[in-house]
Amino acid sequence: MALRLLDVRDRTRHELEQALAKKQVPDHAAAEALDRLTEVGLIDDRRFADAWFEAQQRRQRSTRALRHELRTKGVHDELVDQAAAAADDGADLQAAQALVAKRLPSLQRLDHQARYRRLAGQLARRGFGPGVISTVLRDLPRAGDDSPDPDPFAT
């Protein structure tokens, strides 16, 4: 059963433990099977965490959101910290810019403030902090104007 789940996508040991418990596999049998899969390298939470962060750009999620996702999947904090440290420092900014570039064409019919609010909300829901949101949206052009807008969050 664990092999079938791993055939679909990589999973953490915790995810597999939960799936086996849900199917009422005895704890000792599940632990033995998972230990063997770990021993042969089919279960590797470190590799899983690294791959999760590598996919950040494609998924357009913030580092903070990715950390949370990994913790809910049962990856230990130490492994999450190591994977986050290995990620590119500018990855959050690049991911936020990619999301804005993807969403902006569909928002062109809206006025500038509505576009700004919607994009800021989308970025916030993806886990980006106010600093990243402000930086990315600072250069958001106004309708019919190619000049950047002053940052409304600036004090």
N, C-alpha and C. Protein backbone atom coordinates (compact mmCIF):
# COMPACT_ATOMS: atom_id res chain seq x y z
N MET A 1 0.83 -1.19 0.00
CA MET A 1 0.00 0.00 0.00
C MET A 1 0.88 1.26 0.00
N ALA A 2 1.92 1.26 0.81
CA ALA A 2 2.82 2.42 0.86
C ALA A 2 3.52 2.60 -0.48
N LEU A 3 3.87 1.52 -1.12
CA LEU A 3 4.52 1.61 -2.43
C LEU A 3 3.59 2.23 -3.47
N ARG A 4 2.32 1.87 -3.41
CA ARG A 4 1.35 2.46 -4.33
C ARG A 4 1.24 3.97 -4.12
N LEU A 5 1.23 4.39 -2.86
CA LEU A 5 1.16 5.82 -2.57
C LEU A 5 2.42 6.54 -3.05
N LEU A 6 3.57 5.90 -2.88
CA LEU A 6 4.83 6.50 -3.32
C LEU A 6 4.95 6.51 -4.84
N ASP A 7 4.23 5.63 -5.49
CA ASP A 7 4.26 5.58 -6.95
C ASP A 7 3.61 6.83 -7.55
N VAL A 8 2.63 7.38 -6.84
CA VAL A 8 1.92 8.57 -7.30
C VAL A 8 2.80 9.81 -7.15
N ARG A 9 3.38 9.99 -5.95
CA ARG A 9 4.28 11.11 -5.66
C ARG A 9 5.06 10.78 -4.39
N ASP A 10 6.17 11.51 -4.19
CA ASP A 10 6.92 11.34 -2.95
C ASP A 10 6.05 11.74 -1.78
N ARG A 11 6.26 11.08 -0.66
CA ARG A 11 5.50 11.39 0.54
C ARG A 11 6.44 11.34 1.74
N THR A 12 6.03 12.03 2.79
CA THR A 12 6.81 12.00 4.02
C THR A 12 6.46 10.73 4.79
N ARG A 13 7.31 10.39 5.70
CA ARG A 13 7.06 9.22 6.55
C ARG A 13 5.74 9.41 7.32
N HIS A 14 5.54 10.64 7.80
CA HIS A 14 4.32 10.94 8.55
C HIS A 14 3.06 10.72 7.70
N GLU A 15 3.08 11.17 6.46
CA GLU A 15 1.93 10.97 5.57
C GLU A 15 1.64 9.48 5.38
N LEU A 16 2.70 8.71 5.19
CA LEU A 16 2.51 7.26 5.00
C LEU A 16 2.02 6.60 6.28
N GLU A 17 2.52 7.04 7.43
CA GLU A 17 2.04 6.50 8.70
C GLU A 17 0.55 6.75 8.85
N GLN A 18 0.12 7.96 8.51
CA GLN A 18 -1.30 8.30 8.61
C GLN A 18 -2.14 7.46 7.65
N ALA A 19 -1.65 7.27 6.43
CA ALA A 19 -2.41 6.49 5.45
C ALA A 19 -2.53 5.03 5.89
N LEU A 20 -1.46 4.48 6.42
CA LEU A 20 -1.51 3.09 6.88
C LEU A 20 -2.40 2.95 8.10
N ALA A 21 -2.37 3.92 9.00
CA ALA A 21 -3.23 3.89 10.18
C ALA A 21 -4.70 3.99 9.77
N LYS A 22 -4.97 4.80 8.75
CA LYS A 22 -6.34 4.96 8.26
C LYS A 22 -6.90 3.64 7.72
N LYS A 23 -6.01 2.83 7.13
CA LYS A 23 -6.42 1.52 6.62
C LYS A 23 -6.31 0.43 7.67
N GLN A 24 -6.07 0.85 8.91
CA GLN A 24 -6.02 -0.03 10.08
C GLN A 24 -4.92 -1.09 9.98
N VAL A 25 -3.79 -0.71 9.42
CA VAL A 25 -2.62 -1.58 9.40
C VAL A 25 -2.04 -1.54 10.81
N PRO A 26 -1.73 -2.69 11.39
CA PRO A 26 -1.16 -2.71 12.74
C PRO A 26 0.11 -1.85 12.82
N ASP A 27 0.27 -1.16 13.95
CA ASP A 27 1.38 -0.23 14.13
C ASP A 27 2.74 -0.88 13.90
N HIS A 28 2.93 -2.08 14.44
CA HIS A 28 4.25 -2.73 14.32
C HIS A 28 4.54 -3.10 12.86
N ALA A 29 3.53 -3.50 12.13
CA ALA A 29 3.71 -3.85 10.71
C ALA A 29 4.00 -2.60 9.88
N ALA A 30 3.28 -1.53 10.19
CA ALA A 30 3.49 -0.27 9.46
C ALA A 30 4.90 0.26 9.73
N ALA A 31 5.31 0.24 10.99
CA ALA A 31 6.65 0.73 11.34
C ALA A 31 7.73 -0.09 10.66
N GLU A 32 7.55 -1.39 10.63
CA GLU A 32 8.53 -2.28 9.99
C GLU A 32 8.62 -1.98 8.48
N ALA A 33 7.48 -1.83 7.84
CA ALA A 33 7.46 -1.56 6.41
C ALA A 33 8.08 -0.18 6.11
N LEU A 34 7.73 0.81 6.90
CA LEU A 34 8.25 2.15 6.67
C LEU A 34 9.76 2.22 6.96
N ASP A 35 10.21 1.48 7.96
CA ASP A 35 11.65 1.42 8.24
C ASP A 35 12.39 0.83 7.04
N ARG A 36 11.84 -0.20 6.46
CA ARG A 36 12.48 -0.83 5.30
C ARG A 36 12.48 0.12 4.10
N LEU A 37 11.39 0.82 3.86
CA LEU A 37 11.32 1.78 2.75
C LEU A 37 12.30 2.93 2.97
N THR A 38 12.48 3.34 4.22
CA THR A 38 13.46 4.39 4.54
C THR A 38 14.87 3.86 4.29
N GLU A 39 15.11 2.63 4.70
CA GLU A 39 16.42 2.01 4.54
C GLU A 39 16.85 1.92 3.08
N VAL A 40 15.92 1.62 2.19
CA VAL A 40 16.25 1.51 0.76
C VAL A 40 16.17 2.86 0.03
N GLY A 41 15.79 3.91 0.75
CA GLY A 41 15.80 5.25 0.18
C GLY A 41 14.52 5.69 -0.50
N LEU A 42 13.44 4.96 -0.34
CA LEU A 42 12.17 5.38 -0.96
C LEU A 42 11.46 6.44 -0.13
N ILE A 43 11.77 6.50 1.16
CA ILE A 43 11.22 7.54 2.03
C ILE A 43 12.41 8.35 2.53
N ASP A 44 12.40 9.63 2.22
CA ASP A 44 13.48 10.51 2.65
C ASP A 44 12.88 11.90 2.86
N ASP A 45 12.60 12.25 4.11
CA ASP A 45 11.97 13.53 4.40
C ASP A 45 12.86 14.71 4.01
N ARG A 46 14.16 14.53 4.10
CA ARG A 46 15.10 15.60 3.71
C ARG A 46 14.97 15.89 2.21
N ARG A 47 14.98 14.84 1.40
CA ARG A 47 14.84 14.99 -0.05
C ARG A 47 13.49 15.60 -0.39
N PHE A 48 12.45 15.17 0.32
CA PHE A 48 11.10 15.68 0.11
C PHE A 48 11.06 17.19 0.38
N ALA A 49 11.64 17.63 1.49
CA ALA A 49 11.64 19.05 1.85
C ALA A 49 12.42 19.87 0.82
N ASP A 50 13.56 19.35 0.39
CA ASP A 50 14.35 20.05 -0.61
C ASP A 50 13.57 20.21 -1.92
N ALA A 51 12.91 19.15 -2.35
CA ALA A 51 12.13 19.19 -3.58
C ALA A 51 10.94 20.15 -3.44
N TRP A 52 10.36 20.20 -2.26
CA TRP A 52 9.23 21.10 -2.00
C TRP A 52 9.65 22.55 -2.21
N PHE A 53 10.82 22.90 -1.70
CA PHE A 53 11.33 24.26 -1.86
C PHE A 53 11.77 24.54 -3.29
N GLU A 54 12.31 23.55 -3.96
CA GLU A 54 12.72 23.74 -5.36
C GLU A 54 11.52 24.05 -6.24
N ALA A 55 10.38 23.52 -5.90
CA ALA A 55 9.16 23.75 -6.68
C ALA A 55 8.49 25.08 -6.33
N GLN A 56 9.09 25.84 -5.42
CA GLN A 56 8.51 27.10 -4.96
C GLN A 56 8.22 28.05 -6.10
N GLN A 57 9.16 28.22 -6.99
CA GLN A 57 8.99 29.18 -8.08
C GLN A 57 7.79 28.81 -8.94
N ARG A 58 7.65 27.55 -9.24
CA ARG A 58 6.55 27.10 -10.08
C ARG A 58 5.20 27.25 -9.36
N ARG A 59 5.22 27.01 -8.06
CA ARG A 59 3.98 27.04 -7.29
C ARG A 59 3.63 28.44 -6.80
N GLN A 60 4.58 29.37 -6.91
CA GLN A 60 4.38 30.77 -6.54
C GLN A 60 3.86 30.90 -5.11
N ARG A 61 4.59 30.27 -4.18
CA ARG A 61 4.25 30.33 -2.76
C ARG A 61 5.43 30.94 -2.01
N SER A 62 5.15 31.55 -0.89
CA SER A 62 6.22 32.15 -0.09
C SER A 62 6.95 31.08 0.72
N THR A 63 8.13 31.44 1.17
CA THR A 63 8.91 30.54 2.02
C THR A 63 8.14 30.23 3.29
N ARG A 64 7.48 31.24 3.84
CA ARG A 64 6.70 31.03 5.06
C ARG A 64 5.58 30.01 4.83
N ALA A 65 4.89 30.11 3.73
CA ALA A 65 3.81 29.17 3.42
C ALA A 65 4.37 27.77 3.19
N LEU A 66 5.50 27.67 2.52
CA LEU A 66 6.12 26.36 2.28
C LEU A 66 6.56 25.71 3.57
N ARG A 67 7.10 26.52 4.49
CA ARG A 67 7.49 25.98 5.80
C ARG A 67 6.27 25.38 6.51
N HIS A 68 5.18 26.14 6.47
CA HIS A 68 3.95 25.66 7.13
C HIS A 68 3.44 24.37 6.48
N GLU A 69 3.45 24.32 5.16
CA GLU A 69 2.98 23.13 4.45
C GLU A 69 3.82 21.91 4.84
N LEU A 70 5.13 22.09 4.90
CA LEU A 70 6.00 20.97 5.26
C LEU A 70 5.76 20.50 6.69
N ARG A 71 5.54 21.44 7.58
CA ARG A 71 5.26 21.06 8.98
C ARG A 71 3.96 20.27 9.08
N THR A 72 2.95 20.67 8.30
CA THR A 72 1.68 19.92 8.36
C THR A 72 1.82 18.53 7.74
N LYS A 73 2.83 18.35 6.90
CA LYS A 73 3.09 17.04 6.31
C LYS A 73 3.97 16.18 7.21
N GLY A 74 4.36 16.72 8.36
CA GLY A 74 5.11 15.95 9.33
C GLY A 74 6.61 16.00 9.19
N VAL A 75 7.13 16.94 8.42
CA VAL A 75 8.58 17.07 8.29
C VAL A 75 9.09 17.80 9.53
N HIS A 76 10.16 17.30 10.13
CA HIS A 76 10.72 17.88 11.34
C HIS A 76 11.24 19.29 11.08
N ASP A 77 11.14 20.13 12.08
CA ASP A 77 11.56 21.53 11.96
C ASP A 77 13.00 21.67 11.48
N GLU A 78 13.88 20.81 11.95
CA GLU A 78 15.28 20.88 11.56
C GLU A 78 15.44 20.69 10.04
N LEU A 79 14.71 19.73 9.49
CA LEU A 79 14.77 19.50 8.04
C LEU A 79 14.14 20.64 7.26
N VAL A 80 13.07 21.21 7.80
CA VAL A 80 12.42 22.35 7.15
C VAL A 80 13.39 23.54 7.12
N ASP A 81 14.06 23.77 8.25
CA ASP A 81 15.02 24.89 8.32
C ASP A 81 16.17 24.68 7.34
N GLN A 82 16.68 23.46 7.23
CA GLN A 82 17.77 23.18 6.30
C GLN A 82 17.34 23.41 4.86
N ALA A 83 16.15 22.96 4.52
CA ALA A 83 15.65 23.13 3.14
C ALA A 83 15.41 24.61 2.84
N ALA A 84 14.89 25.35 3.82
CA ALA A 84 14.65 26.78 3.62
C ALA A 84 15.96 27.53 3.46
N ALA A 85 16.97 27.13 4.21
CA ALA A 85 18.27 27.79 4.12
C ALA A 85 18.92 27.54 2.76
N ALA A 86 18.66 26.38 2.18
CA ALA A 86 19.24 26.04 0.88
C ALA A 86 18.52 26.76 -0.26
N ALA A 87 17.32 27.25 0.00
CA ALA A 87 16.55 27.95 -1.04
C ALA A 87 17.19 29.30 -1.32
N ASP A 88 16.98 29.80 -2.51
CA ASP A 88 17.52 31.08 -2.95
C ASP A 88 16.93 32.20 -2.10
N ASP A 89 17.77 33.15 -1.69
CA ASP A 89 17.32 34.27 -0.86
C ASP A 89 16.26 35.13 -1.58
N GLY A 90 16.39 35.29 -2.87
CA GLY A 90 15.45 36.11 -3.63
C GLY A 90 14.27 35.33 -4.16
N ALA A 91 14.10 34.09 -3.70
CA ALA A 91 13.04 33.24 -4.24
C ALA A 91 11.66 33.80 -3.95
N ASP A 92 11.46 34.37 -2.76
CA ASP A 92 10.15 34.94 -2.43
C ASP A 92 9.81 36.09 -3.37
N LEU A 93 10.77 36.96 -3.59
CA LEU A 93 10.54 38.10 -4.47
C LEU A 93 10.26 37.64 -5.90
N GLN A 94 11.02 36.66 -6.38
CA GLN A 94 10.82 36.14 -7.73
C GLN A 94 9.46 35.47 -7.87
N ALA A 95 9.07 34.71 -6.85
CA ALA A 95 7.78 34.02 -6.89
C ALA A 95 6.64 35.04 -6.88
N ALA A 96 6.77 36.07 -6.06
CA ALA A 96 5.74 37.11 -6.00
C ALA A 96 5.64 37.85 -7.33
N GLN A 97 6.77 38.17 -7.93
CA GLN A 97 6.76 38.85 -9.22
C GLN A 97 6.13 37.98 -10.31
N ALA A 98 6.41 36.68 -10.26
CA ALA A 98 5.83 35.77 -11.24
C ALA A 98 4.31 35.69 -11.08
N LEU A 99 3.84 35.68 -9.84
CA LEU A 99 2.40 35.63 -9.61
C LEU A 99 1.73 36.91 -10.11
N VAL A 100 2.32 38.06 -9.84
CA VAL A 100 1.76 39.33 -10.30
C VAL A 100 1.73 39.37 -11.82
N ALA A 101 2.82 38.93 -12.46
CA ALA A 101 2.87 38.93 -13.93
C ALA A 101 1.79 38.03 -14.52
N LYS A 102 1.50 36.95 -13.83
CA LYS A 102 0.48 36.00 -14.30
C LYS A 102 -0.93 36.57 -14.13
N ARG A 103 -1.17 37.24 -13.01
CA ARG A 103 -2.51 37.73 -12.68
C ARG A 103 -2.84 39.10 -13.29
N LEU A 104 -1.85 39.91 -13.53
CA LEU A 104 -2.07 41.28 -13.96
C LEU A 104 -2.89 41.43 -15.24
N PRO A 105 -2.65 40.63 -16.29
CA PRO A 105 -3.45 40.82 -17.51
C PRO A 105 -4.96 40.70 -17.30
N SER A 106 -5.38 39.82 -16.41
CA SER A 106 -6.82 39.66 -16.19
C SER A 106 -7.41 40.79 -15.35
N LEU A 107 -6.58 41.63 -14.78
CA LEU A 107 -7.06 42.73 -13.93
C LEU A 107 -6.95 44.09 -14.60
N GLN A 108 -6.57 44.15 -15.87
CA GLN A 108 -6.33 45.42 -16.55
C GLN A 108 -7.59 46.29 -16.64
N ARG A 109 -8.75 45.69 -16.67
CA ARG A 109 -9.99 46.47 -16.80
C ARG A 109 -10.33 47.21 -15.50
N LEU A 110 -9.71 46.84 -14.40
CA LEU A 110 -10.00 47.49 -13.11
C LEU A 110 -9.17 48.74 -12.93
N ASP A 111 -9.65 49.63 -12.06
CA ASP A 111 -8.85 50.82 -11.76
C ASP A 111 -7.63 50.41 -10.93
N HIS A 112 -6.70 51.32 -10.83
CA HIS A 112 -5.41 51.03 -10.20
C HIS A 112 -5.55 50.52 -8.76
N GLN A 113 -6.36 51.22 -7.97
CA GLN A 113 -6.52 50.83 -6.55
C GLN A 113 -7.12 49.43 -6.41
N ALA A 114 -8.10 49.10 -7.24
CA ALA A 114 -8.72 47.77 -7.18
C ALA A 114 -7.70 46.69 -7.58
N ARG A 115 -6.92 46.98 -8.63
CA ARG A 115 -5.86 46.04 -9.04
C ARG A 115 -4.87 45.82 -7.90
N TYR A 116 -4.47 46.91 -7.30
CA TYR A 116 -3.49 46.85 -6.22
C TYR A 116 -4.04 46.01 -5.06
N ARG A 117 -5.27 46.28 -4.66
CA ARG A 117 -5.88 45.54 -3.54
C ARG A 117 -5.99 44.05 -3.86
N ARG A 118 -6.45 43.74 -5.05
CA ARG A 118 -6.61 42.32 -5.41
C ARG A 118 -5.27 41.59 -5.46
N LEU A 119 -4.28 42.22 -6.07
CA LEU A 119 -2.97 41.59 -6.14
C LEU A 119 -2.35 41.45 -4.75
N ALA A 120 -2.49 42.48 -3.93
CA ALA A 120 -1.96 42.42 -2.57
C ALA A 120 -2.64 41.30 -1.79
N GLY A 121 -3.94 41.15 -1.96
CA GLY A 121 -4.67 40.07 -1.29
C GLY A 121 -4.22 38.70 -1.75
N GLN A 122 -4.03 38.55 -3.06
CA GLN A 122 -3.57 37.26 -3.59
C GLN A 122 -2.18 36.92 -3.07
N LEU A 123 -1.31 37.91 -3.03
CA LEU A 123 0.04 37.67 -2.52
C LEU A 123 0.00 37.33 -1.03
N ALA A 124 -0.82 38.03 -0.29
CA ALA A 124 -0.93 37.76 1.16
C ALA A 124 -1.46 36.35 1.40
N ARG A 125 -2.43 35.92 0.62
CA ARG A 125 -2.97 34.57 0.79
C ARG A 125 -1.95 33.49 0.45
N ARG A 126 -0.98 33.83 -0.38
CA ARG A 126 0.10 32.89 -0.71
C ARG A 126 1.22 32.94 0.32
N GLY A 127 1.05 33.76 1.35
CA GLY A 127 2.00 33.78 2.45
C GLY A 127 3.10 34.81 2.35
N PHE A 128 3.03 35.71 1.39
CA PHE A 128 4.07 36.73 1.26
C PHE A 128 3.85 37.83 2.30
N GLY A 129 4.93 38.32 2.85
CA GLY A 129 4.88 39.36 3.86
C GLY A 129 4.67 40.73 3.26
N PRO A 130 4.34 41.71 4.09
CA PRO A 130 4.08 43.07 3.61
C PRO A 130 5.26 43.69 2.86
N GLY A 131 6.48 43.39 3.28
CA GLY A 131 7.65 43.95 2.61
C GLY A 131 7.77 43.49 1.18
N VAL A 132 7.56 42.19 0.96
CA VAL A 132 7.63 41.64 -0.39
C VAL A 132 6.48 42.18 -1.24
N ILE A 133 5.28 42.22 -0.66
CA ILE A 133 4.11 42.73 -1.39
C ILE A 133 4.34 44.17 -1.81
N SER A 134 4.82 44.98 -0.88
CA SER A 134 5.07 46.39 -1.17
C SER A 134 6.12 46.54 -2.27
N THR A 135 7.18 45.77 -2.19
CA THR A 135 8.25 45.84 -3.19
C THR A 135 7.75 45.47 -4.57
N VAL A 136 6.99 44.41 -4.65
CA VAL A 136 6.51 43.93 -5.95
C VAL A 136 5.47 44.87 -6.55
N LEU A 137 4.59 45.39 -5.73
CA LEU A 137 3.50 46.22 -6.25
C LEU A 137 3.88 47.69 -6.37
N ARG A 138 5.05 48.07 -5.89
CA ARG A 138 5.51 49.45 -6.00
C ARG A 138 5.56 49.90 -7.46
N ASP A 139 5.94 49.00 -8.35
CA ASP A 139 6.09 49.34 -9.76
C ASP A 139 4.86 49.01 -10.59
N LEU A 140 3.75 48.77 -9.94
CA LEU A 140 2.52 48.45 -10.65
C LEU A 140 2.06 49.67 -11.44
N PRO A 141 1.98 49.55 -12.78
CA PRO A 141 1.61 50.73 -13.58
C PRO A 141 0.13 51.07 -13.42
N ARG A 142 -0.14 52.35 -13.53
CA ARG A 142 -1.53 52.81 -13.53
C ARG A 142 -2.10 52.58 -14.93
N ALA A 143 -3.42 52.52 -15.04
CA ALA A 143 -4.05 52.34 -16.35
C ALA A 143 -3.73 53.55 -17.22
N GLY A 144 -3.20 53.27 -18.41
CA GLY A 144 -2.88 54.34 -19.34
C GLY A 144 -1.62 55.11 -18.98
N ASP A 145 -0.92 54.65 -17.94
CA ASP A 145 0.29 55.33 -17.50
C ASP A 145 1.35 54.27 -17.26
N ASP A 146 2.53 54.47 -17.81
CA ASP A 146 3.59 53.49 -17.65
C ASP A 146 4.52 53.81 -16.49
N SER A 147 4.24 54.90 -15.77
CA SER A 147 5.11 55.22 -14.63
C SER A 147 4.69 54.44 -13.40
N PRO A 148 5.66 54.07 -12.55
CA PRO A 148 5.32 53.33 -11.35
C PRO A 148 4.53 54.18 -10.37
N ASP A 149 3.76 53.51 -9.55
CA ASP A 149 2.94 54.17 -8.56
C ASP A 149 3.73 54.28 -7.26
N PRO A 150 3.60 55.41 -6.56
CA PRO A 150 4.23 55.48 -5.25
C PRO A 150 3.59 54.44 -4.33
N ASP A 151 4.38 53.95 -3.43
CA ASP A 151 3.93 52.88 -2.54
C ASP A 151 2.93 53.41 -1.53
N PRO A 152 1.67 52.93 -1.53
CA PRO A 152 0.69 53.41 -0.57
C PRO A 152 0.97 52.94 0.84
N PHE A 153 1.87 51.92 1.02
CA PHE A 153 2.20 51.44 2.34
C PHE A 153 3.32 52.24 2.97
N ALA A 154 4.01 53.07 2.19
CA ALA A 154 5.13 53.84 2.71
C ALA A 154 4.61 54.88 3.69
N THR A 155 5.42 55.16 4.69
CA THR A 155 5.00 56.13 5.70
C THR A 155 5.74 57.42 5.57
